[in-house]
Amino acid sequence: MNQTTNLKVLMRKQSLMGSSRFEYDPEQLDKRASIRSDIYASAYSDMLAALESALDRADGDIVSRDNLEEWLGRKLVEEFIKRRGGSP
């Protein structure tokens, strides 16, 4: 990380430590950040595995891998927008 990023992280930590939740146990903030990072990484890995599994179904005759990948990408974006309250 560069100096500006380090400063922002430190300022954020100090801000959160001022809250009652982390005031007496600041190490909890680092633990929670690590757990959160692990959850995101695991979810992303699971999503990539599921995507690869779906793409393996493309037989190249009826459905090409490229077309299926593009279609799945569009559907994922549409679903994301729908869940956020928008309409594609």
Protein backbone atom coordinates (compact mmCIF):
# COMPACT_ATOMS: atom_id res chain seq x y z
CA MET A 1 0.00 0.00 0.00
CA ASN A 2 1.13 3.53 -0.58
CA GLN A 3 1.41 6.16 2.14
CA THR A 4 -1.95 7.77 1.37
CA THR A 5 -3.75 4.42 1.53
CA ASN A 6 -2.00 3.54 4.79
CA LEU A 7 -3.04 6.87 6.30
CA LYS A 8 -6.67 6.37 5.23
CA VAL A 9 -6.72 2.87 6.73
CA LEU A 10 -5.20 4.14 9.97
CA MET A 11 -7.69 7.01 10.16
CA ARG A 12 -10.59 4.63 9.53
CA LYS A 13 -9.35 2.27 12.25
CA GLN A 14 -9.01 5.13 14.71
CA SER A 15 -12.48 6.33 13.83
CA LEU A 16 -13.98 2.89 14.38
CA MET A 17 -12.01 2.33 17.57
CA GLY A 18 -13.69 5.42 19.00
CA SER A 19 -16.99 3.61 18.80
CA SER A 20 -18.00 1.58 21.81
CA ARG A 21 -17.73 -1.70 19.93
CA PHE A 22 -13.93 -1.53 19.45
CA GLU A 23 -12.94 0.96 22.13
CA TYR A 24 -11.67 -1.62 24.63
CA ASP A 25 -10.61 -4.30 22.17
CA PRO A 26 -9.14 -2.70 19.02
CA GLU A 27 -7.74 -6.06 17.84
CA GLN A 28 -11.32 -7.11 17.15
CA LEU A 29 -11.42 -4.61 14.29
CA ASP A 30 -8.50 -6.35 12.54
CA LYS A 31 -10.04 -9.78 13.20
CA ARG A 32 -13.38 -8.69 11.74
CA ALA A 33 -11.66 -7.19 8.69
CA SER A 34 -9.78 -10.44 8.13
CA ILE A 35 -12.92 -12.55 8.48
CA ARG A 36 -14.80 -10.22 6.10
CA SER A 37 -11.99 -10.49 3.55
CA ASP A 38 -12.03 -14.30 3.82
CA ILE A 39 -15.81 -14.41 3.31
CA TYR A 40 -15.59 -12.25 0.18
CA ALA A 41 -12.70 -14.31 -1.23
CA SER A 42 -14.53 -17.57 -0.56
CA ALA A 43 -17.77 -16.31 -2.13
CA TYR A 44 -15.89 -15.11 -5.20
CA SER A 45 -14.12 -18.45 -5.53
CA ASP A 46 -17.44 -20.29 -5.23
CA MET A 47 -18.99 -18.05 -7.88
CA LEU A 48 -16.10 -18.66 -10.29
CA ALA A 49 -16.36 -22.42 -9.74
CA ALA A 50 -20.10 -22.33 -10.43
CA LEU A 51 -19.53 -20.21 -13.54
CA GLU A 52 -16.90 -22.62 -14.83
CA SER A 53 -19.24 -25.55 -14.16
CA ALA A 54 -22.02 -23.84 -16.11
CA LEU A 55 -19.66 -23.04 -18.99
CA ASP A 56 -18.58 -26.68 -19.16
CA ARG A 57 -22.13 -27.48 -20.29
CA ALA A 58 -21.58 -25.62 -23.56
CA ASP A 59 -21.25 -28.33 -26.18
CA GLY A 60 -19.91 -26.11 -28.95
CA ASP A 61 -22.68 -27.20 -31.32
CA ILE A 62 -25.96 -25.93 -29.90
CA VAL A 63 -24.37 -23.52 -27.41
CA SER A 64 -20.87 -22.10 -27.72
CA ARG A 65 -18.85 -21.33 -24.61
CA ASP A 66 -18.42 -17.68 -25.64
CA ASN A 67 -22.14 -17.15 -26.22
CA LEU A 68 -23.05 -18.85 -22.94
CA GLU A 69 -20.47 -16.78 -21.06
CA GLU A 70 -21.84 -13.55 -22.55
CA TRP A 71 -25.44 -14.56 -21.80
CA LEU A 72 -24.59 -15.49 -18.21
CA GLY A 73 -22.77 -12.18 -17.74
CA ARG A 74 -25.81 -10.24 -18.93
CA LYS A 75 -28.13 -12.26 -16.69
CA LEU A 76 -25.88 -11.70 -13.66
CA VAL A 77 -25.85 -7.94 -14.27
CA GLU A 78 -29.65 -7.93 -14.73
CA GLU A 79 -30.10 -9.85 -11.49
CA PHE A 80 -27.77 -7.49 -9.65
CA ILE A 81 -29.67 -4.45 -10.91
CA LYS A 82 -33.00 -6.05 -9.99
CA ARG A 83 -31.79 -6.83 -6.47
CA ARG A 84 -30.59 -3.24 -6.06
CA GLY A 85 -34.07 -2.00 -6.89
CA GLY A 86 -33.48 -0.95 -10.49
CA SER A 87 -34.99 -2.31 -13.64
CA PRO A 88 -32.83 -3.30 -16.61
